[in-house]
Amino acid sequence: ERITISDGVINIGEYVFNYCTSLTEVNIPEGMIGIPQYAFYNCSGSTYLEIPRNVSEIGDYAFRGCSNLRYAVVPKGVNVINVGVFQECTNLNQVVLPNGITRIKDWAFHQSGITSITIPEGITSLGNSTFANCNKLQTITLPESLVSMDEYAVYGCKNLSKVVCSAKTPPSYTGEPFYYYSASLYVPCESIAKYENDTKWGNFANIECKQIAHLFSVSD
């Protein structure tokens, strides 16, 4: 089933498509400025949703449980990824996050299907369980601006093989941010000793220093 929201509509209601499991495609007009909480909650049949460029806010759990959603592009006007927005999107393998995002809140990608993620510069913190139990996640790239990670931020990602962190000072953490430390960790050359001596970051089995200019092309 496909739905086209009429041109001229700038807002839709909370829970409006909640549990529309046969919904496969939604055409959202360019004039839409926000997607409220739970708007597409458990729309398990949807494979693709194009979020209009004028959207500046995506509410809590807006796409939670969209288990067949495979690809999402977050518009440039969005500066916060709210609680559980893509939680349990188990087939979501690619998300494009724009520059300008300052915060990713709790559970945002919890148990999603992403295989790699690059956190844009400007983000200073990751919320509780942001990427927890993303079992397909292999690579995560953390920005220089990152200051802190809440508990379970990247916890239980059993296939994680590469962590690239550009922060010159190891980000602080609450509780246990990771669980599997078998991944290779790539950090700024001048900061490698700080990471090796850190209580949590130092647990990574392999910590290597790379020139910042080449961090994003480091091969496994």
Protein backbone atom coordinates (compact mmCIF):
# COMPACT_ATOMS: atom_id res chain seq x y z
CA GLU A 1 0.00 0.00 0.00
CA ARG A 2 1.24 3.49 -0.90
CA ILE A 3 0.14 6.82 0.55
CA THR A 4 0.74 10.31 -0.78
CA ILE A 5 0.31 13.17 1.66
CA SER A 6 -1.15 16.19 -0.10
CA ASP A 7 0.94 19.21 -0.99
CA GLY A 8 0.37 22.04 1.46
CA VAL A 9 0.38 19.78 4.51
CA ILE A 10 3.15 20.93 6.86
CA ASN A 11 2.39 18.76 9.91
CA ILE A 12 0.92 15.35 10.62
CA GLY A 13 -0.35 13.98 13.91
CA GLU A 14 1.36 11.75 16.42
CA TYR A 15 0.76 8.03 15.86
CA VAL A 16 -0.86 8.84 12.49
CA PHE A 17 0.50 5.76 10.71
CA ASN A 18 1.13 3.73 13.85
CA TYR A 19 1.13 -0.03 13.12
CA CYS A 20 0.27 0.39 9.43
CA THR A 21 2.12 -2.83 8.69
CA SER A 22 0.99 -3.07 5.04
CA LEU A 23 2.26 0.43 4.25
CA THR A 24 5.21 0.10 1.86
CA GLU A 25 5.76 3.67 0.69
CA VAL A 26 4.85 7.16 1.87
CA ASN A 27 5.28 10.26 -0.27
CA ILE A 28 5.76 13.21 2.06
CA PRO A 29 5.47 16.74 0.59
CA GLU A 30 8.45 19.08 0.58
CA GLY A 31 6.57 21.56 2.76
CA MET A 32 6.50 19.23 5.75
CA ILE A 33 8.45 20.80 8.64
CA GLY A 34 8.30 18.08 11.27
CA ILE A 35 7.62 14.39 11.83
CA PRO A 36 6.05 13.85 15.26
CA GLN A 37 6.70 11.09 17.74
CA TYR A 38 5.53 7.59 16.83
CA ALA A 39 4.32 8.83 13.42
CA PHE A 40 5.48 5.69 11.59
CA TYR A 41 5.92 3.41 14.58
CA ASN A 42 6.00 -0.26 13.58
CA CYS A 43 5.29 0.37 9.90
CA SER A 44 7.07 -2.90 9.26
CA GLY A 45 6.28 -3.00 5.53
CA SER A 46 7.99 0.28 4.64
CA THR A 47 11.28 -0.11 2.79
CA TYR A 48 12.07 3.51 1.98
CA LEU A 49 11.04 6.86 3.43
CA GLU A 50 12.36 10.10 2.00
CA ILE A 51 12.39 12.73 4.71
CA PRO A 52 11.77 16.15 3.11
CA ARG A 53 14.59 18.68 3.28
CA ASN A 54 12.47 21.21 5.19
CA VAL A 55 11.95 18.87 8.14
CA SER A 56 13.77 20.28 11.16
CA GLU A 57 12.59 17.88 13.87
CA ILE A 58 11.92 14.15 14.02
CA GLY A 59 10.06 13.10 17.15
CA ASP A 60 10.85 10.30 19.56
CA TYR A 61 10.40 6.79 18.13
CA ALA A 62 9.14 8.23 14.82
CA PHE A 63 10.37 5.23 12.80
CA ARG A 64 10.85 2.68 15.56
CA GLY A 65 10.09 -0.86 14.45
CA CYS A 66 10.14 -0.11 10.72
CA SER A 67 11.85 -3.44 10.31
CA ASN A 68 12.04 -3.39 6.51
CA LEU A 69 13.32 0.18 6.20
CA ARG A 70 16.68 -0.09 4.44
CA TYR A 71 17.87 3.45 3.79
CA ALA A 72 17.35 6.86 5.36
CA VAL A 73 18.74 10.35 4.76
CA VAL A 74 18.33 12.81 7.63
CA PRO A 75 17.81 16.40 6.35
CA LYS A 76 20.31 19.17 7.01
CA GLY A 77 17.86 21.11 9.19
CA VAL A 78 17.69 18.38 11.83
CA ASN A 79 20.17 19.03 14.64
CA VAL A 80 19.12 16.37 17.16
CA ILE A 81 18.42 12.67 16.59
CA ASN A 82 15.76 12.09 19.21
CA VAL A 83 15.08 9.10 21.43
CA GLY A 84 14.60 5.80 19.59
CA VAL A 85 14.02 7.37 16.17
CA PHE A 86 15.44 4.36 14.28
CA GLN A 87 15.27 1.82 17.08
CA GLU A 88 14.61 -1.77 15.98
CA CYS A 89 14.86 -0.91 12.28
CA THR A 90 16.53 -4.27 11.88
CA ASN A 91 17.15 -4.05 8.11
CA LEU A 92 18.31 -0.44 8.09
CA ASN A 93 21.82 -0.74 6.67
CA GLN A 94 22.57 2.85 5.71
CA VAL A 95 21.84 6.18 7.36
CA VAL A 96 23.23 9.49 6.17
CA LEU A 97 23.58 12.05 8.95
CA PRO A 98 24.12 15.72 8.03
CA ASN A 99 26.67 18.11 9.42
CA GLY A 100 25.07 20.31 12.04
CA ILE A 101 23.75 17.55 14.29
CA THR A 102 24.80 18.28 17.85
CA ARG A 103 23.37 15.33 19.75
CA ILE A 104 22.23 11.75 19.29
CA LYS A 105 19.89 10.76 22.11
CA ASP A 106 19.17 7.49 23.92
CA TRP A 107 18.27 4.37 21.92
CA ALA A 108 18.39 6.27 18.61
CA PHE A 109 19.73 3.30 16.61
CA HIS A 110 19.34 0.56 19.22
CA GLN A 111 19.04 -2.90 17.60
CA SER A 112 19.07 -1.44 14.09
CA GLY A 113 20.69 -3.13 11.11
CA ILE A 114 23.33 -0.52 10.27
CA THR A 115 26.68 -1.90 9.12
CA SER A 116 28.68 1.31 9.37
CA ILE A 117 28.08 4.81 10.67
CA THR A 118 29.98 8.08 10.56
CA ILE A 119 29.09 10.53 13.31
CA PRO A 120 29.41 14.10 11.97
CA GLU A 121 31.69 16.73 13.48
CA GLY A 122 29.88 18.88 16.02
CA ILE A 123 28.31 16.05 17.99
CA THR A 124 29.57 16.19 21.56
CA SER A 125 27.74 13.27 23.16
CA LEU A 126 26.13 9.90 22.45
CA GLY A 127 23.12 8.91 24.53
CA ASN A 128 22.42 5.76 26.50
CA SER A 129 22.31 2.65 24.27
CA THR A 130 22.52 4.77 21.11
CA PHE A 131 24.00 1.93 19.05
CA ALA A 132 23.58 -0.92 21.52
CA ASN A 133 23.04 -4.41 20.14
CA CYS A 134 23.53 -3.37 16.52
CA ASN A 135 24.75 -6.83 15.61
CA LYS A 136 25.55 -5.97 11.99
CA LEU A 137 27.62 -2.90 12.86
CA GLN A 138 31.22 -3.35 11.73
CA THR A 139 32.63 0.19 11.62
CA ILE A 140 31.91 3.32 13.62
CA THR A 141 33.66 6.64 13.09
CA LEU A 142 33.56 9.10 15.98
CA PRO A 143 34.30 12.82 15.51
CA GLU A 144 36.95 15.02 17.09
CA SER A 145 34.16 16.98 18.79
CA LEU A 146 32.96 13.97 20.81
CA VAL A 147 33.32 14.61 24.56
CA SER A 148 31.23 11.93 26.25
CA MET A 149 29.44 8.62 25.76
CA ASP A 150 26.62 7.46 27.98
CA GLU A 151 26.30 3.93 29.29
CA TYR A 152 25.91 1.18 26.68
CA ALA A 153 26.43 3.64 23.80
CA VAL A 154 28.01 0.99 21.56
CA TYR A 155 27.37 -2.00 23.80
CA GLY A 156 26.89 -5.53 22.52
CA CYS A 157 27.88 -4.88 18.89
CA LYS A 158 29.42 -8.32 18.48
CA ASN A 159 30.63 -7.85 14.89
CA LEU A 160 32.31 -4.48 15.45
CA SER A 161 35.76 -4.66 13.87
CA LYS A 162 36.85 -1.03 13.51
CA VAL A 163 36.44 2.04 15.72
CA VAL A 164 37.88 5.31 14.43
CA CYS A 165 37.95 8.08 17.05
CA SER A 166 39.30 11.48 16.07
CA ALA A 167 38.97 13.01 19.55
CA LYS A 168 42.38 14.05 20.86
CA THR A 169 41.21 13.46 24.43
CA PRO A 170 39.51 10.11 25.02
CA PRO A 171 35.77 10.78 25.42
CA SER A 172 34.51 10.27 28.95
CA TYR A 173 31.87 7.64 29.64
CA THR A 174 29.20 6.57 32.08
CA GLY A 175 29.33 2.92 33.03
CA GLU A 176 30.30 0.59 30.20
CA PRO A 177 30.13 2.22 26.72
CA PHE A 178 31.39 -0.85 24.84
CA TYR A 179 31.32 -4.57 25.53
CA TYR A 180 33.36 -6.17 22.76
CA TYR A 181 36.90 -4.82 22.65
CA SER A 182 38.26 -7.09 19.93
CA ALA A 183 37.89 -4.30 17.33
CA SER A 184 40.86 -2.27 16.13
CA LEU A 185 40.86 1.28 17.49
CA TYR A 186 42.37 4.08 15.38
CA VAL A 187 43.15 7.36 17.16
CA PRO A 188 45.22 10.52 16.59
CA CYS A 189 48.93 9.69 16.74
CA GLU A 190 49.64 12.24 19.46
CA SER A 191 46.91 10.77 21.66
CA ILE A 192 47.63 7.06 21.50
CA ALA A 193 49.17 6.95 25.00
CA LYS A 194 46.08 8.63 26.48
CA TYR A 195 43.85 5.95 24.98
CA GLU A 196 46.14 3.09 26.02
CA ASN A 197 46.15 4.34 29.62
CA ASP A 198 42.41 4.95 29.81
CA THR A 199 40.35 2.53 31.94
CA LYS A 200 37.92 1.66 29.13
CA TRP A 201 39.52 2.75 25.86
CA GLY A 202 42.67 0.90 26.87
CA ASN A 203 40.76 -2.39 26.75
CA PHE A 204 40.80 -2.47 22.95
CA ALA A 205 42.96 -5.33 21.76
CA ASN A 206 44.62 -3.29 19.03
CA ILE A 207 45.17 0.48 19.25
CA GLU A 208 46.87 2.10 16.30
CA CYS A 209 47.77 5.67 15.51
CA LYS A 210 47.02 7.03 12.05
CA GLN A 211 47.39 10.43 10.49
CA ILE A 212 44.03 12.26 10.78
CA ALA A 213 43.99 12.85 7.03
CA HIS A 214 43.97 9.10 6.41
CA LEU A 215 41.75 7.91 9.24
CA PHE A 216 38.69 7.54 7.10
CA SER A 217 40.42 5.35 4.54
CA VAL A 218 42.04 2.95 6.98
CA SER A 219 41.54 -0.57 5.70
CA ASP A 220 40.68 -3.56 7.83
